[in-house]
PDB file of N, CA and C in Angstrom:
ATOM      1  N   MET A   1      41.153 -18.779 -37.191  1.00  0.00           N
ATOM      2  CA  MET A   1      39.930 -19.484 -37.798  1.00  0.00           C
ATOM      3  C   MET A   1      39.784 -19.226 -38.868  1.00  0.00           C
ATOM      4  N   SER A   2      40.580 -19.087 -39.671  1.00  0.00           N
ATOM      5  CA  SER A   2      40.162 -18.781 -41.312  1.00  0.00           C
ATOM      6  C   SER A   2      40.413 -20.104 -42.211  1.00  0.00           C
ATOM      7  N   ASP A   3      39.371 -20.449 -42.641  1.00  0.00           N
ATOM      8  CA  ASP A   3      39.312 -21.441 -43.702  1.00  0.00           C
ATOM      9  C   ASP A   3      39.826 -21.106 -45.083  1.00  0.00           C
ATOM     10  N   GLU A   4      41.117 -20.977 -45.357  1.00  0.00           N
ATOM     11  CA  GLU A   4      41.553 -20.605 -46.700  1.00  0.00           C
ATOM     12  C   GLU A   4      41.056 -21.630 -47.805  1.00  0.00           C
ATOM     13  N   GLY A   5      40.721 -22.823 -47.632  1.00  0.00           N
ATOM     14  CA  GLY A   5      40.482 -23.877 -48.672  1.00  0.00           C
ATOM     15  C   GLY A   5      39.024 -23.869 -49.028  1.00  0.00           C
ATOM     16  N   SER A   6      38.263 -23.294 -48.136  1.00  0.00           N
ATOM     17  CA  SER A   6      36.851 -23.402 -48.377  1.00  0.00           C
ATOM     18  C   SER A   6      36.170 -22.008 -48.776  1.00  0.00           C
ATOM     19  N   SER A   7      35.304 -21.996 -49.640  1.00  0.00           N
ATOM     20  CA  SER A   7      34.887 -20.636 -49.928  1.00  0.00           C
ATOM     21  C   SER A   7      33.276 -20.523 -49.604  1.00  0.00           C
ATOM     22  N   ARG A   8      32.755 -19.573 -49.451  1.00  0.00           N
ATOM     23  CA  ARG A   8      31.077 -19.299 -48.950  1.00  0.00           C
ATOM     24  C   ARG A   8      30.634 -18.512 -50.052  1.00  0.00           C
ATOM     25  N   ASN A   9      29.583 -18.893 -50.735  1.00  0.00           N
ATOM     26  CA  ASN A   9      28.509 -18.108 -51.575  1.00  0.00           C
ATOM     27  C   ASN A   9      27.801 -17.359 -50.760  1.00  0.00           C
ATOM     28  N   VAL A  10      27.321 -16.192 -51.160  1.00  0.00           N
ATOM     29  CA  VAL A  10      26.481 -15.347 -50.516  1.00  0.00           C
ATOM     30  C   VAL A  10      25.383 -14.880 -51.453  1.00  0.00           C
ATOM     31  N   ILE A  11      24.156 -14.851 -51.262  1.00  0.00           N
ATOM     32  CA  ILE A  11      23.052 -14.507 -51.898  1.00  0.00           C
ATOM     33  C   ILE A  11      22.322 -13.271 -51.290  1.00  0.00           C
ATOM     34  N   VAL A  12      22.174 -12.116 -51.865  1.00  0.00           N
ATOM     35  CA  VAL A  12      21.697 -10.910 -51.147  1.00  0.00           C
ATOM     36  C   VAL A  12      20.205 -10.986 -51.808  1.00  0.00           C
ATOM     37  N   THR A  13      19.276 -11.131 -50.975  1.00  0.00           N
ATOM     38  CA  THR A  13      17.913 -11.001 -51.427  1.00  0.00           C
ATOM     39  C   THR A  13      17.058  -9.910 -51.049  1.00  0.00           C
ATOM     40  N   ASP A  14      17.587  -9.048 -50.261  1.00  0.00           N
ATOM     41  CA  ASP A  14      17.008  -7.921 -49.784  1.00  0.00           C
ATOM     42  C   ASP A  14      17.522  -6.953 -49.190  1.00  0.00           C
ATOM     43  N   ILE A  15      17.426  -5.497 -49.448  1.00  0.00           N
ATOM     44  CA  ILE A  15      18.338  -4.378 -48.689  1.00  0.00           C
ATOM     45  C   ILE A  15      17.198  -3.505 -48.153  1.00  0.00           C
ATOM     46  N   HIS A  16      17.340  -3.332 -46.846  1.00  0.00           N
ATOM     47  CA  HIS A  16      16.512  -2.390 -46.056  1.00  0.00           C
ATOM     48  C   HIS A  16      17.120  -0.896 -46.085  1.00  0.00           C
ATOM     49  N   MET A  17      16.487  -0.021 -46.944  1.00  0.00           N
ATOM     50  CA  MET A  17      17.101   1.244 -47.125  1.00  0.00           C
ATOM     51  C   MET A  17      15.950   2.089 -47.355  1.00  0.00           C
ATOM     52  N   PRO A  18      15.732   3.092 -46.398  1.00  0.00           N
ATOM     53  CA  PRO A  18      14.878   4.205 -46.543  1.00  0.00           C
ATOM     54  C   PRO A  18      14.909   5.022 -48.120  1.00  0.00           C
ATOM     55  N   PHE A  19      13.586   5.099 -48.352  1.00  0.00           N
ATOM     56  CA  PHE A  19      13.500   6.071 -49.896  1.00  0.00           C
ATOM     57  C   PHE A  19      14.393   7.166 -49.859  1.00  0.00           C
ATOM     58  N   LEU A  20      14.078   7.898 -48.932  1.00  0.00           N
ATOM     59  CA  LEU A  20      14.945   9.183 -49.183  1.00  0.00           C
ATOM     60  C   LEU A  20      16.530   8.921 -49.089  1.00  0.00           C
ATOM     61  N   SER A  21      16.957   8.142 -48.412  1.00  0.00           N
ATOM     62  CA  SER A  21      18.527   7.668 -48.356  1.00  0.00           C
ATOM     63  C   SER A  21      18.925   7.202 -49.758  1.00  0.00           C
ATOM     64  N   MET A  22      17.962   6.367 -50.393  1.00  0.00           N
ATOM     65  CA  MET A  22      18.067   5.787 -51.709  1.00  0.00           C
ATOM     66  C   MET A  22      18.170   6.882 -52.835  1.00  0.00           C
ATOM     67  N   VAL A  23      17.308   7.889 -52.649  1.00  0.00           N
ATOM     68  CA  VAL A  23      17.307   8.910 -53.649  1.00  0.00           C
ATOM     69  C   VAL A  23      18.627   9.838 -53.476  1.00  0.00           C
ATOM     70  N   ILE A  24      19.006  10.146 -52.100  1.00  0.00           N
ATOM     71  CA  ILE A  24      20.239  11.037 -52.014  1.00  0.00           C
ATOM     72  C   ILE A  24      21.219  10.215 -52.575  1.00  0.00           C
ATOM     73  N   PHE A  25      21.282   8.892 -52.421  1.00  0.00           N
ATOM     74  CA  PHE A  25      22.420   7.939 -52.908  1.00  0.00           C
ATOM     75  C   PHE A  25      22.663   8.358 -54.468  1.00  0.00           C
ATOM     76  N   MET A  26      21.422   7.939 -55.067  1.00  0.00           N
ATOM     77  CA  MET A  26      21.419   7.935 -56.577  1.00  0.00           C
ATOM     78  C   MET A  26      21.801   9.369 -57.051  1.00  0.00           C
ATOM     79  N   VAL A  27      21.362  10.543 -56.355  1.00  0.00           N
ATOM     80  CA  VAL A  27      21.593  11.867 -56.909  1.00  0.00           C
ATOM     81  C   VAL A  27      23.322  12.063 -56.748  1.00  0.00           C
ATOM     82  N   LYS A  28      23.845  11.600 -55.477  1.00  0.00           N
ATOM     83  CA  LYS A  28      25.391  11.499 -55.484  1.00  0.00           C
ATOM     84  C   LYS A  28      25.917  10.923 -56.320  1.00  0.00           C
ATOM     85  N   TRP A  29      25.515   9.691 -56.793  1.00  0.00           N
ATOM     86  CA  TRP A  29      26.076   8.713 -57.698  1.00  0.00           C
ATOM     87  C   TRP A  29      26.160   9.556 -59.324  1.00  0.00           C
ATOM     88  N   ALA A  30      24.981  10.138 -59.452  1.00  0.00           N
ATOM     89  CA  ALA A  30      24.894  10.827 -60.854  1.00  0.00           C
ATOM     90  C   ALA A  30      25.800  11.858 -61.030  1.00  0.00           C
ATOM     91  N   LEU A  31      25.964  12.843 -59.556  1.00  0.00           N
ATOM     92  CA  LEU A  31      26.741  13.744 -59.808  1.00  0.00           C
ATOM     93  C   LEU A  31      28.132  13.281 -59.940  1.00  0.00           C
ATOM     94  N   ALA A  32      28.626  12.205 -59.282  1.00  0.00           N
ATOM     95  CA  ALA A  32      29.956  11.695 -59.343  1.00  0.00           C
ATOM     96  C   ALA A  32      30.192  11.118 -60.700  1.00  0.00           C
ATOM     97  N   SER A  33      29.227  10.766 -61.523  1.00  0.00           N
ATOM     98  CA  SER A  33      29.564  10.397 -62.783  1.00  0.00           C
ATOM     99  C   SER A  33      29.944  11.361 -63.709  1.00  0.00           C
ATOM    100  N   ILE A  34      29.659  12.584 -63.517  1.00  0.00           N
ATOM    101  CA  ILE A  34      29.913  13.772 -64.557  1.00  0.00           C
ATOM    102  C   ILE A  34      31.375  13.834 -64.718  1.00  0.00           C
ATOM    103  N   PRO A  35      32.341  13.990 -63.680  1.00  0.00           N
ATOM    104  CA  PRO A  35      33.619  14.031 -63.847  1.00  0.00           C
ATOM    105  C   PRO A  35      34.362  12.830 -64.574  1.00  0.00           C
ATOM    106  N   ALA A  36      33.803  11.675 -64.352  1.00  0.00           N
ATOM    107  CA  ALA A  36      34.225  10.370 -64.950  1.00  0.00           C
ATOM    108  C   ALA A  36      34.117  10.512 -66.514  1.00  0.00           C
ATOM    109  N   ILE A  37      32.704  11.010 -66.776  1.00  0.00           N
ATOM    110  CA  ILE A  37      32.224  11.245 -68.176  1.00  0.00           C
ATOM    111  C   ILE A  37      33.353  12.249 -68.730  1.00  0.00           C
ATOM    112  N   ILE A  38      33.556  13.293 -68.109  1.00  0.00           N
ATOM    113  CA  ILE A  38      34.570  14.414 -68.528  1.00  0.00           C
ATOM    114  C   ILE A  38      35.958  13.654 -68.928  1.00  0.00           C
ATOM    115  N   ILE A  39      36.421  13.009 -68.216  1.00  0.00           N
ATOM    116  CA  ILE A  39      37.684  12.560 -68.101  1.00  0.00           C
ATOM    117  C   ILE A  39      37.643  11.356 -69.326  1.00  0.00           C
ATOM    118  N   LEU A  40      36.687  10.530 -69.512  1.00  0.00           N
ATOM    119  CA  LEU A  40      36.769   9.797 -70.456  1.00  0.00           C
ATOM    120  C   LEU A  40      36.532  10.114 -72.017  1.00  0.00           C
ATOM    121  N   MET A  41      35.884  11.425 -71.946  1.00  0.00           N
ATOM    122  CA  MET A  41      35.818  12.274 -73.190  1.00  0.00           C
ATOM    123  C   MET A  41      37.124  12.822 -73.603  1.00  0.00           C
ATOM    124  N   LEU A  42      37.940  13.339 -72.486  1.00  0.00           N
ATOM    125  CA  LEU A  42      39.280  13.825 -72.685  1.00  0.00           C
ATOM    126  C   LEU A  42      40.327  12.825 -73.334  1.00  0.00           C
ATOM    127  N   ILE A  43      40.129  11.604 -72.682  1.00  0.00           N
ATOM    128  CA  ILE A  43      40.985  10.460 -73.200  1.00  0.00           C
ATOM    129  C   ILE A  43      40.592  10.046 -74.517  1.00  0.00           C
ATOM    130  N   ALA A  44      39.460  10.000 -75.011  1.00  0.00           N
ATOM    131  CA  ALA A  44      38.746   9.701 -76.285  1.00  0.00           C
ATOM    132  C   ALA A  44      39.459  10.677 -77.356  1.00  0.00           C
ATOM    133  N   SER A  45      39.145  12.073 -76.917  1.00  0.00           N
ATOM    134  CA  SER A  45      39.807  13.013 -78.180  1.00  0.00           C
ATOM    135  C   SER A  45      41.392  12.920 -78.012  1.00  0.00           C
ATOM    136  N   LEU A  46      42.044  12.657 -77.091  1.00  0.00           N
ATOM    137  CA  LEU A  46      43.547  12.582 -77.083  1.00  0.00           C
ATOM    138  C   LEU A  46      43.716  11.272 -78.080  1.00  0.00           C
ATOM    139  N   PHE A  47      43.044  10.270 -77.836  1.00  0.00           N
ATOM    140  CA  PHE A  47      43.265   9.134 -78.699  1.00  0.00           C
ATOM    141  C   PHE A  47      42.851   9.332 -80.277  1.00  0.00           C
ATOM    142  N   TRP A  48      41.615  10.067 -80.532  1.00  0.00           N
ATOM    143  CA  TRP A  48      41.539  10.521 -82.011  1.00  0.00           C
ATOM    144  C   TRP A  48      42.552  11.346 -82.415  1.00  0.00           C
ATOM    145  N   ARG A  49      42.933  12.247 -81.682  1.00  0.00           N
ATOM    146  CA  ARG A  49      43.887  13.281 -82.028  1.00  0.00           C
ATOM    147  C   ARG A  49      45.200  12.603 -82.548  1.00  0.00           C
ATOM    148  N   MET A  50      45.574  11.609 -81.655  1.00  0.00           N
ATOM    149  CA  MET A  50      46.881  10.843 -82.319  1.00  0.00           C
ATOM    150  C   MET A  50      46.608  10.198 -83.478  1.00  0.00           C
ATOM    151  N   LEU A  51      45.544   9.472 -83.502  1.00  0.00           N
ATOM    152  CA  LEU A  51      44.919   8.608 -84.613  1.00  0.00           C
ATOM    153  C   LEU A  51      45.102   9.437 -85.881  1.00  0.00           C
ATOM    154  N   LEU A  52      44.419  10.629 -85.884  1.00  0.00           N
ATOM    155  CA  LEU A  52      44.065  11.447 -86.915  1.00  0.00           C
ATOM    156  C   LEU A  52      45.383  12.271 -87.348  1.00  0.00           C
ATOM    157  N   GLY A  53      46.230  12.620 -86.451  1.00  0.00           N
ATOM    158  CA  GLY A  53      47.444  13.449 -86.728  1.00  0.00           C
ATOM    159  C   GLY A  53      47.092  14.771 -86.265  1.00  0.00           C
ATOM    160  N   PRO A  54      48.027  15.383 -85.675  1.00  0.00           N
ATOM    161  CA  PRO A  54      47.811  16.878 -85.125  1.00  0.00           C
ATOM    162  C   PRO A  54      47.546  17.909 -85.915  1.00  0.00           C
ATOM    163  N   ASP A  55      47.857  17.679 -87.176  1.00  0.00           N
ATOM    164  CA  ASP A  55      47.651  18.951 -88.119  1.00  0.00           C
ATOM    165  C   ASP A  55      46.991  18.565 -89.374  1.00  0.00           C
ATOM    166  N   SER A  56      45.621  17.690 -89.135  1.00  0.00           N
ATOM    167  CA  SER A  56      44.971  17.362 -90.391  1.00  0.00           C
ATOM    168  C   SER A  56      43.478  17.737 -90.001  1.00  0.00           C
ATOM    169  N   LYS A  57      42.639  18.092 -90.956  1.00  0.00           N
ATOM    170  CA  LYS A  57      41.303  18.324 -90.990  1.00  0.00           C
ATOM    171  C   LYS A  57      40.620  17.404 -91.573  1.00  0.00           C
ATOM    172  N   THR A  58      39.809  16.523 -91.233  1.00  0.00           N
ATOM    173  CA  THR A  58      38.983  15.636 -91.887  1.00  0.00           C
ATOM    174  C   THR A  58      37.571  16.151 -91.944  1.00  0.00           C
ATOM    175  N   VAL A  59      37.159  16.153 -92.916  1.00  0.00           N
ATOM    176  CA  VAL A  59      35.526  16.566 -93.102  1.00  0.00           C
ATOM    177  C   VAL A  59      34.768  15.109 -93.555  1.00  0.00           C
ATOM    178  N   VAL A  60      34.062  14.971 -92.715  1.00  0.00           N
ATOM    179  CA  VAL A  60      33.273  13.634 -93.242  1.00  0.00           C
ATOM    180  C   VAL A  60      31.684  14.270 -93.790  1.00  0.00           C
ATOM    181  N   ARG A  61      31.246  13.927 -94.815  1.00  0.00           N
ATOM    182  CA  ARG A  61      30.144  14.194 -95.508  1.00  0.00           C
ATOM    183  C   ARG A  61      29.150  13.183 -95.257  1.00  0.00           C
ATOM    184  N   LEU A  62      27.902  13.925 -95.571  1.00  0.00           N
ATOM    185  CA  LEU A  62      26.565  12.860 -95.125  1.00  0.00           C
ATOM    186  C   LEU A  62      26.574  11.610 -96.203  1.00  0.00           C
ATOM    187  N   ASP A  63      27.201  11.713 -97.180  1.00  0.00           N
ATOM    188  CA  ASP A  63      27.250  10.502 -98.185  1.00  0.00           C
ATOM    189  C   ASP A  63      28.124   9.510 -98.181  1.00  0.00           C
ATOM    190  N   GLY A  64      28.916   9.751 -97.006  1.00  0.00           N
ATOM    191  CA  GLY A  64      29.834   8.664 -96.536  1.00  0.00           C
ATOM    192  C   GLY A  64      31.312   9.010 -96.867  1.00  0.00           C
ATOM    193  N   SER A  65      31.403   9.951 -97.952  1.00  0.00           N
ATOM    194  CA  SER A  65      32.673  10.189 -98.319  1.00  0.00           C
ATOM    195  C   SER A  65      33.411  11.207 -97.339  1.00  0.00           C
ATOM    196  N   SER A  66      34.830  11.085 -97.515  1.00  0.00           N
ATOM    197  CA  SER A  66      35.513  12.022 -96.605  1.00  0.00           C
ATOM    198  C   SER A  66      36.471  12.720 -97.441  1.00  0.00           C
ATOM    199  N   LYS A  67      36.957  13.779 -96.970  1.00  0.00           N
ATOM    200  CA  LYS A  67      37.849  14.877 -97.599  1.00  0.00           C
ATOM    201  C   LYS A  67      38.862  15.145 -96.552  1.00  0.00           C
ATOM    202  N   SER A  68      40.115  15.003 -96.740  1.00  0.00           N
ATOM    203  CA  SER A  68      41.106  15.235 -95.834  1.00  0.00           C
ATOM    204  C   SER A  68      42.085  16.512 -96.510  1.00  0.00           C
ATOM    205  N   GLU A  69      42.391  17.478 -95.573  1.00  0.00           N
ATOM    206  CA  GLU A  69      43.328  18.736 -95.991  1.00  0.00           C
ATOM    207  C   GLU A  69      44.407  18.654 -94.996  1.00  0.00           C
ATOM    208  N   SER A  70      45.457  19.009 -95.407  1.00  0.00           N
ATOM    209  CA  SER A  70      46.433  19.112 -94.339  1.00  0.00           C
ATOM    210  C   SER A  70      47.336  20.498 -94.773  1.00  0.00           C
ATOM    211  N   HIS A  71      47.710  20.992 -93.734  1.00  0.00           N
ATOM    212  CA  HIS A  71      48.499  22.177 -94.019  1.00  0.00           C
ATOM    213  C   HIS A  71      49.854  22.168 -93.995  1.00  0.00           C
ATOM    214  N   LEU A  72      50.390  20.888 -94.101  1.00  0.00           N
ATOM    215  CA  LEU A  72      51.895  20.926 -94.196  1.00  0.00           C
ATOM    216  C   LEU A  72      52.301  20.971 -95.788  1.00  0.00           C
ATOM    217  N   PRO A  73      53.470  21.533 -95.975  1.00  0.00           N
ATOM    218  CA  PRO A  73      53.994  21.699 -97.127  1.00  0.00           C
ATOM    219  C   PRO A  73      54.197  20.251 -98.087  1.00  0.00           C
ATOM    220  N   VAL A  74      53.849  20.490 -99.278  1.00  0.00           N
ATOM    221  CA  VAL A  74      54.197  19.150-100.146  1.00  0.00           C
ATOM    222  C   VAL A  74      55.465  19.222-100.581  1.00  0.00           C
TER     223      VAL A  74
END
């Protein structure tokens, strides 16, 4: 009884949810986002580490200039 050729659109107009349940849901949602943010920060730090190189120290000054130092022998 499945109509694979036809599709149905659904519009949600209201959700009946008690206030306390919604608060608990939102607190759980906020707590679950903490590990996700940590993982994204680790991925970003690895990306920047690969971009800048493993042994470079880049100092960015307030005037927009940057100074790069390397401990590699010249």
